[in-house]
C-alpha atoms as a PDB file:
ATOM      1  CA  MET A   1      -5.420   8.355   5.953  1.00  0.00           C
ATOM      2  CA  LEU A   2      -3.432  11.427   5.099  1.00  0.00           C
ATOM      3  CA  ARG A   3      -0.549   9.420   4.645  1.00  0.00           C
ATOM      4  CA  LEU A   4      -2.453   6.221   2.443  1.00  0.00           C
ATOM      5  CA  GLY A   5      -4.053   9.630   0.842  1.00  0.00           C
ATOM      6  CA  TRP A   6      -0.673  11.307  -0.185  1.00  0.00           C
ATOM      7  CA  GLN A   7       0.529   7.672  -1.185  1.00  0.00           C
ATOM      8  CA  VAL A   8      -2.211   7.458  -3.815  1.00  0.00           C
ATOM      9  CA  MET A   9      -1.961  11.241  -4.801  1.00  0.00           C
ATOM     10  CA  ARG A  10       1.644  11.023  -5.437  1.00  0.00           C
ATOM     11  CA  GLY A  11       0.752   7.846  -7.698  1.00  0.00           C
ATOM     12  CA  LEU A  12      -1.808   9.306  -9.943  1.00  0.00           C
ATOM     13  CA  LEU A  13      -0.137  12.650 -10.384  1.00  0.00           C
ATOM     14  CA  GLY A  14       1.314  11.155 -13.723  1.00  0.00           C
ATOM     15  CA  GLN A  15      -2.054  10.045 -14.704  1.00  0.00           C
ATOM     16  CA  VAL A  16      -3.526  13.399 -14.279  1.00  0.00           C
ATOM     17  CA  VAL A  17      -0.939  16.147 -14.857  1.00  0.00           C
ATOM     18  CA  ASP A  18       0.923  16.187 -18.425  1.00  0.00           C
ATOM     19  CA  LEU A  19       4.963  16.858 -17.333  1.00  0.00           C
ATOM     20  CA  ALA A  20       5.305  19.317 -20.519  1.00  0.00           C
ATOM     21  CA  ARG A  21       2.508  21.233 -19.610  1.00  0.00           C
ATOM     22  CA  VAL A  22       4.043  21.569 -16.205  1.00  0.00           C
ATOM     23  CA  ARG A  23       7.096  22.567 -17.320  1.00  0.00           C
ATOM     24  CA  ARG A  24       5.590  25.035 -19.564  1.00  0.00           C
ATOM     25  CA  ALA A  25       3.454  26.612 -16.944  1.00  0.00           C
ATOM     26  CA  LEU A  26       6.455  27.111 -14.693  1.00  0.00           C
ATOM     27  CA  TRP A  27       8.320  28.888 -17.222  1.00  0.00           C
ATOM     28  CA  ILE A  28       5.333  30.898 -18.336  1.00  0.00           C
ATOM     29  CA  ALA A  29       4.696  31.812 -14.166  1.00  0.00           C
ATOM     30  CA  GLY A  30       8.534  32.321 -13.971  1.00  0.00           C
ATOM     31  CA  ALA A  31       9.014  34.899 -17.044  1.00  0.00           C
ATOM     32  CA  VAL A  32       5.781  36.834 -15.460  1.00  0.00           C
ATOM     33  CA  ALA A  33       7.244  36.638 -11.789  1.00  0.00           C
ATOM     34  CA  ALA A  34      10.191  37.902 -12.919  1.00  0.00           C
ATOM     35  CA  ALA A  35       8.871  40.898 -14.983  1.00  0.00           C
ATOM     36  CA  VAL A  36       7.010  41.359 -11.886  1.00  0.00           C
ATOM     37  CA  LEU A  37       9.751  41.339  -9.990  1.00  0.00           C
ATOM     38  CA  GLY A  38      11.809  44.176 -11.646  1.00  0.00           C
ATOM     39  CA  ALA A  39       9.030  46.174 -11.710  1.00  0.00           C
ATOM     40  CA  LEU A  40       8.240  46.142  -7.963  1.00  0.00           C
ATOM     41  CA  VAL A  41      11.610  47.141  -7.112  1.00  0.00           C
ATOM     42  CA  ALA A  42      11.561  50.007  -9.454  1.00  0.00           C
ATOM     43  CA  LEU A  43       8.532  51.157  -7.975  1.00  0.00           C
ATOM     44  CA  HIS A  44       9.809  50.812  -4.730  1.00  0.00           C
ATOM     45  CA  LEU A  45      12.886  52.848  -5.554  1.00  0.00           C
ATOM     46  CA  VAL A  46      10.378  55.457  -6.483  1.00  0.00           C
ATOM     47  CA  ASN A  47       7.778  55.686  -3.743  1.00  0.00           C
ATOM     48  CA  GLY A  48       8.765  53.004  -0.903  1.00  0.00           C
ATOM     49  CA  TRP A  49       5.401  50.845  -0.937  1.00  0.00           C
ATOM     50  CA  ALA A  50       6.933  48.147   0.443  1.00  0.00           C
ATOM     51  CA  GLY A  51       7.880  49.798   3.650  1.00  0.00           C
ATOM     52  CA  THR A  52      10.801  51.040   5.336  1.00  0.00           C
ATOM     53  CA  GLY A  53      13.786  49.059   7.145  1.00  0.00           C
ATOM     54  CA  SER A  54      16.731  46.746   5.435  1.00  0.00           C
ATOM     55  CA  LEU A  55      14.636  43.482   6.103  1.00  0.00           C
ATOM     56  CA  ARG A  56      10.526  44.349   5.054  1.00  0.00           C
ATOM     57  CA  PRO A  57      10.949  45.962   1.812  1.00  0.00           C
ATOM     58  CA  GLY A  58      12.724  42.527   0.503  1.00  0.00           C
ATOM     59  CA  LEU A  59      10.021  39.945   2.275  1.00  0.00           C
ATOM     60  CA  VAL A  60       7.211  41.936   0.689  1.00  0.00           C
ATOM     61  CA  VAL A  61       8.985  41.792  -2.417  1.00  0.00           C
ATOM     62  CA  ALA A  62       9.431  38.434  -2.540  1.00  0.00           C
ATOM     63  CA  ALA A  63       6.197  37.552  -1.404  1.00  0.00           C
ATOM     64  CA  VAL A  64       4.494  39.410  -3.971  1.00  0.00           C
ATOM     65  CA  THR A  65       6.611  37.988  -6.582  1.00  0.00           C
ATOM     66  CA  ALA A  66       6.016  34.368  -5.300  1.00  0.00           C
ATOM     67  CA  SER A  67       2.173  35.183  -5.275  1.00  0.00           C
ATOM     68  CA  VAL A  68       2.252  36.423  -8.582  1.00  0.00           C
ATOM     69  CA  PHE A  69       4.126  33.123  -9.488  1.00  0.00           C
ATOM     70  CA  LEU A  70       1.757  30.734  -7.891  1.00  0.00           C
ATOM     71  CA  LEU A  71      -1.434  32.709  -9.581  1.00  0.00           C
ATOM     72  CA  VAL A  72       0.119  32.120 -12.689  1.00  0.00           C
ATOM     73  CA  TYR A  73       0.840  28.470 -12.878  1.00  0.00           C
ATOM     74  CA  ALA A  74      -2.587  28.014 -11.588  1.00  0.00           C
ATOM     75  CA  CYS A  75      -3.859  29.696 -14.386  1.00  0.00           C
ATOM     76  CA  CYS A  76      -2.138  27.439 -16.790  1.00  0.00           C
ATOM     77  CA  PRO A  77      -3.597  24.299 -18.459  1.00  0.00           C
ATOM     78  CA  THR A  78      -1.307  21.194 -16.763  1.00  0.00           C
ATOM     79  CA  ALA A  79      -3.684  18.451 -17.148  1.00  0.00           C
ATOM     80  CA  ARG A  80      -3.144  15.744 -18.946  1.00  0.00           C
ATOM     81  CA  GLU A  81      -5.539  14.961 -22.766  1.00  0.00           C
ATOM     82  CA  VAL A  82      -7.124  12.076 -22.523  1.00  0.00           C
ATOM     83  CA  GLY A  83      -7.277   9.637 -25.674  1.00  0.00           C
ATOM     84  CA  PRO A  84      -9.509   9.762 -28.649  1.00  0.00           C
ATOM     85  CA  GLU A  85     -11.674   6.812 -26.833  1.00  0.00           C
ATOM     86  CA  LEU A  86     -12.597   9.460 -24.653  1.00  0.00           C
ATOM     87  CA  ARG A  87     -14.265  11.797 -27.078  1.00  0.00           C
ATOM     88  CA  ILE A  88     -17.708  12.066 -27.983  1.00  0.00           C
ATOM     89  CA  ASN A  89     -18.261  13.790 -31.429  1.00  0.00           C
ATOM     90  CA  GLY A  90     -14.993  15.311 -30.918  1.00  0.00           C
ATOM     91  CA  ARG A  91     -15.406  16.647 -27.564  1.00  0.00           C
ATOM     92  CA  GLN A  92     -13.716  15.755 -25.124  1.00  0.00           C
ATOM     93  CA  VAL A  93     -14.836  13.792 -21.973  1.00  0.00           C
ATOM     94  CA  ARG A  94     -13.157  13.712 -18.579  1.00  0.00           C
ATOM     95  CA  PRO A  95     -14.087  11.291 -16.461  1.00  0.00           C
ATOM     96  CA  ASN A  96     -10.991  12.603 -13.847  1.00  0.00           C
ATOM     97  CA  THR A  97     -13.396  15.481 -13.028  1.00  0.00           C
ATOM     98  CA  ALA A  98     -16.708  13.437 -12.142  1.00  0.00           C
ATOM     99  CA  LEU A  99     -16.305  13.730  -8.417  1.00  0.00           C
ATOM    100  CA  ALA A 100     -19.833  12.465  -7.643  1.00  0.00           C
ATOM    101  CA  VAL A 101     -19.988   8.683  -6.785  1.00  0.00           C
ATOM    102  CA  ARG A 102     -23.148   6.494  -6.376  1.00  0.00           C
ATOM    103  CA  TRP A 103     -25.332   6.455  -3.538  1.00  0.00           C
ATOM    104  CA  GLU A 104     -24.290   2.809  -2.454  1.00  0.00           C
ATOM    105  CA  VAL A 105     -20.411   4.079  -2.539  1.00  0.00           C
ATOM    106  CA  ARG A 106     -20.730   7.200  -0.416  1.00  0.00           C
ATOM    107  CA  PRO A 107     -21.207   5.427   3.226  1.00  0.00           C
ATOM    108  CA  TYR A 108     -17.761   3.824   2.546  1.00  0.00           C
ATOM    109  CA  LEU A 109     -16.159   6.944   2.000  1.00  0.00           C
ATOM    110  CA  ASP A 110     -16.760   8.346   5.751  1.00  0.00           C
ATOM    111  CA  ARG A 111     -14.778   8.702   8.419  1.00  0.00           C
ATOM    112  CA  VAL A 112     -15.953   4.972  10.023  1.00  0.00           C
ATOM    113  CA  ARG A 113     -14.863   2.109   8.346  1.00  0.00           C
ATOM    114  CA  ARG A 114     -17.506  -0.088   7.038  1.00  0.00           C
ATOM    115  CA  PRO A 115     -17.524  -3.843   5.732  1.00  0.00           C
ATOM    116  CA  VAL A 116     -17.904  -3.843   1.812  1.00  0.00           C
ATOM    117  CA  HIS A 117     -21.363  -5.594   0.981  1.00  0.00           C
ATOM    118  CA  PRO A 118     -20.659  -8.232  -2.115  1.00  0.00           C
ATOM    119  CA  GLU A 119     -23.065  -6.173  -4.215  1.00  0.00           C
ATOM    120  CA  HIS A 120     -21.381  -2.818  -3.733  1.00  0.00           C
ATOM    121  CA  ARG A 121     -18.120  -4.045  -4.853  1.00  0.00           C
ATOM    122  CA  GLU A 122     -18.373  -3.552  -8.484  1.00  0.00           C
ATOM    123  CA  ALA A 123     -19.865   0.180  -7.834  1.00  0.00           C
ATOM    124  CA  ILE A 124     -16.854   0.861  -5.578  1.00  0.00           C
ATOM    125  CA  LEU A 125     -14.337  -0.600  -8.017  1.00  0.00           C
ATOM    126  CA  ASN A 126     -15.612   1.667 -10.742  1.00  0.00           C
ATOM    127  CA  ASP A 127     -16.317   4.746  -9.137  1.00  0.00           C
ATOM    128  CA  VAL A 128     -13.598   5.220  -6.717  1.00  0.00           C
ATOM    129  CA  PRO A 129     -10.595   5.480  -9.284  1.00  0.00           C
ATOM    130  CA  LEU A 130     -12.727   8.638 -11.397  1.00  0.00           C
ATOM    131  CA  LEU A 131     -13.335  10.210  -7.471  1.00  0.00           C
ATOM    132  CA  GLN A 132      -9.255   9.786  -6.785  1.00  0.00           C
ATOM    133  CA  ARG A 133      -8.604  11.457 -10.447  1.00  0.00           C
ATOM    134  CA  GLY A 134     -10.764  13.858  -9.626  1.00  0.00           C
ATOM    135  CA  LEU A 135      -9.473  15.023  -5.943  1.00  0.00           C
ATOM    136  CA  VAL A 136      -5.910  14.933  -7.594  1.00  0.00           C
ATOM    137  CA  ARG A 137      -6.894  17.003 -10.395  1.00  0.00           C
ATOM    138  CA  ARG A 138      -8.684  19.399  -8.068  1.00  0.00           C
ATOM    139  CA  LEU A 139      -5.594  19.520  -5.668  1.00  0.00           C
ATOM    140  CA  THR A 140      -3.485  20.390  -8.491  1.00  0.00           C
ATOM    141  CA  ARG A 141      -5.131  23.280  -9.564  1.00  0.00           C
ATOM    142  CA  LEU A 142      -6.444  24.895  -5.915  1.00  0.00           C
ATOM    143  CA  ALA A 143      -3.214  24.612  -3.873  1.00  0.00           C
ATOM    144  CA  PRO A 144      -1.012  26.822  -5.488  1.00  0.00           C
ATOM    145  CA  LEU A 145      -4.327  28.962  -6.355  1.00  0.00           C
ATOM    146  CA  LEU A 146      -5.016  29.022  -2.548  1.00  0.00           C
ATOM    147  CA  LEU A 147      -1.369  29.430  -1.481  1.00  0.00           C
ATOM    148  CA  ALA A 148      -1.303  32.124  -3.960  1.00  0.00           C
ATOM    149  CA  VAL A 149      -4.268  34.133  -2.487  1.00  0.00           C
ATOM    150  CA  ALA A 150      -2.667  33.326   1.125  1.00  0.00           C
ATOM    151  CA  ILE A 151       0.579  34.659   0.421  1.00  0.00           C
ATOM    152  CA  GLY A 152      -1.135  38.116  -0.745  1.00  0.00           C
ATOM    153  CA  ALA A 153      -3.951  38.503   1.846  1.00  0.00           C
ATOM    154  CA  ALA A 154      -0.611  38.037   4.612  1.00  0.00           C
ATOM    155  CA  VAL A 155       1.126  40.546   2.580  1.00  0.00           C
ATOM    156  CA  VAL A 156      -2.392  43.056   2.959  1.00  0.00           C
ATOM    157  CA  LEU A 157      -2.272  41.904   6.264  1.00  0.00           C
ATOM    158  CA  THR A 158       1.250  43.103   7.172  1.00  0.00           C
ATOM    159  CA  THR A 159       0.663  46.467   5.955  1.00  0.00           C
ATOM    160  CA  GLY A 160      -1.929  47.418   7.849  1.00  0.00           C
ATOM    161  CA  ARG A 161      -4.278  48.467   5.474  1.00  0.00           C
ATOM    162  CA  ALA A 162      -7.203  45.854   5.644  1.00  0.00           C
ATOM    163  CA  GLN A 163      -8.859  44.469   8.912  1.00  0.00           C
ATOM    164  CA  VAL A 164      -8.061  41.094   9.579  1.00  0.00           C
ATOM    165  CA  PHE A 165     -11.402  39.453   9.285  1.00  0.00           C
ATOM    166  CA  ALA A 166     -11.252  40.665   5.703  1.00  0.00           C
ATOM    167  CA  VAL A 167      -8.400  38.548   4.451  1.00  0.00           C
ATOM    168  CA  LEU A 168      -8.807  35.318   6.449  1.00  0.00           C
ATOM    169  CA  TRP A 169     -10.855  33.769   4.414  1.00  0.00           C
ATOM    170  CA  PRO A 170      -7.682  32.405   2.094  1.00  0.00           C
ATOM    171  CA  PHE A 171      -6.400  30.680   5.053  1.00  0.00           C
ATOM    172  CA  VAL A 172      -9.794  28.914   6.118  1.00  0.00           C
ATOM    173  CA  TYR A 173      -9.832  27.613   2.543  1.00  0.00           C
ATOM    174  CA  LEU A 174      -6.572  26.045   2.889  1.00  0.00           C
ATOM    175  CA  PHE A 175      -7.817  23.656   5.534  1.00  0.00           C
ATOM    176  CA  THR A 176      -9.798  22.336   2.168  1.00  0.00           C
ATOM    177  CA  LEU A 177      -6.522  20.788   1.187  1.00  0.00           C
ATOM    178  CA  PRO A 178      -5.761  18.109   3.457  1.00  0.00           C
ATOM    179  CA  ASP A 179      -9.340  16.918   3.844  1.00  0.00           C
ATOM    180  CA  MET A 180      -8.947  16.536   0.089  1.00  0.00           C
ATOM    181  CA  VAL A 181      -6.032  14.104   0.958  1.00  0.00           C
ATOM    182  CA  LEU A 182      -7.942  12.497   3.494  1.00  0.00           C
ATOM    183  CA  ARG A 183     -10.989  11.739   0.881  1.00  0.00           C
ATOM    184  CA  ILE A 184      -8.737  10.277  -1.455  1.00  0.00           C
ATOM    185  CA  GLY A 185      -7.381   8.020   1.711  1.00  0.00           C
ATOM    186  CA  ARG A 186     -10.916   7.237   2.630  1.00  0.00           C
ATOM    187  CA  SER A 187     -11.509   6.106  -0.609  1.00  0.00           C
ATOM    188  CA  GLU A 188      -8.243   4.076  -1.504  1.00  0.00           C
ATOM    189  CA  ARG A 189      -9.373   2.214   1.697  1.00  0.00           C
ATOM    190  CA  ALA A 190     -12.533   1.372   0.105  1.00  0.00           C
ATOM    191  CA  ARG A 191     -11.283   0.364  -2.977  1.00  0.00           C
ATOM    192  CA  ARG A 192      -8.918  -2.041  -1.254  1.00  0.00           C
ATOM    193  CA  ASP A 193     -11.800  -3.449   1.003  1.00  0.00           C
ATOM    194  CA  ALA A 194     -13.578  -4.191  -1.755  1.00  0.00           C
ATOM    195  CA  LEU A 195     -10.871  -5.870  -3.992  1.00  0.00           C
ATOM    196  CA  ALA A 196     -10.529  -8.143  -0.580  1.00  0.00           C
ATOM    197  CA  THR A 197     -14.375  -8.881  -0.726  1.00  0.00           C
ATOM    198  CA  PRO A 198     -15.496 -11.801  -2.900  1.00  0.00           C
ATOM    199  CA  PRO A 199     -17.832 -10.506  -5.660  1.00  0.00           C
ATOM    200  CA  ALA A 200     -21.612 -11.128  -5.504  1.00  0.00           C
ATOM    201  CA  ALA A 201     -23.519 -14.310  -6.516  1.00  0.00           C
ATOM    202  CA  PRO A 202     -25.363 -13.403  -9.916  1.00  0.00           C
ATOM    203  CA  GLU A 203     -28.907 -13.506  -8.139  1.00  0.00           C
ATOM    204  CA  GLN A 204     -27.374 -10.627  -5.855  1.00  0.00           C
ATOM    205  CA  ARG A 205     -26.229  -8.033  -8.650  1.00  0.00           C
ATOM    206  CA  PRO A 206     -28.678  -5.399  -9.131  1.00  0.00           C
ATOM    207  CA  GLN A 207     -30.421  -6.212 -12.770  1.00  0.00           C
ATOM    208  CA  TRP A 208     -32.278  -4.038 -15.052  1.00  0.00           C
ATOM    209  CA  ARG A 209     -36.050  -5.353 -15.508  1.00  0.00           C
ATOM    210  CA  ARG A 210     -36.101  -7.065 -18.954  1.00  0.00           C
ATOM    211  CA  ASP A 211     -39.968  -6.512 -19.266  1.00  0.00           C
ATOM    212  CA  PRO A 212     -41.544  -3.359 -19.517  1.00  0.00           C
ATOM    213  CA  SER A 213     -43.679  -2.538 -16.477  1.00  0.00           C
ATOM    214  CA  GLY A 214     -47.057  -1.040 -16.808  1.00  0.00           C
ATOM    215  CA  SER A 215     -49.885  -1.617 -19.252  1.00  0.00           C
ATOM    216  CA  LYS A 216     -49.167  -4.297 -22.288  1.00  0.00           C
ATOM    217  CA  LEU A 217     -51.249  -3.619 -25.177  1.00  0.00           C
ATOM    218  CA  GLY A 218     -50.796  -6.467 -27.950  1.00  0.00           C
ATOM    219  CA  LEU A 219     -50.096  -4.913 -31.604  1.00  0.00           C
ATOM    220  CA  PRO A 220     -51.489  -6.231 -34.396  1.00  0.00           C
ATOM    221  CA  GLY A 221     -49.515  -9.019 -35.564  1.00  0.00           C
ATOM    222  CA  GLU A 222     -48.886 -10.384 -32.212  1.00  0.00           C
END
């Protein structure tokens, strides 16, 4: 599932992320990181904050600079803008952020593979692409952010100025990243199973009630 999820994620990146915005975010993050690098080196020369020795100061400064780079990149918008067909009254509607799927679709996203019922086929084919886009978008934002915080926590941990349990939480959240890739893989498995399932017969498809329920009072002229 990890391999399948990774393949789907790579295929959807171009639809979710705008390459022009990514390049701009890289330039901004690089400029900020370069300025921070110069400030850190100057500060170390003044008071030796990065530690002693020939190797440790360089590693600490490089780690903090990388953390700043990733943090600034995560704060820059990189999502692709949607077209006017996905706007209501001028406000943008983002189907790629709809992470919730219908109740009848959720069992097919579990670890255990389930055969697709024909009456659930259309719901799976409709909801899974939205779920996949939302997960890919969340991964592109969370991955650099969590890596930045984890690198910063590792630097603080090596200095001995904080307790171990106080800075462990970023590393715990890092495990959510492969879990999201797994969810993408399971959703793709469900989508392929739905494509291989024949459509439901017309009498099996869920339909809305045409006649109102409850009391029916006749109006004048009826």
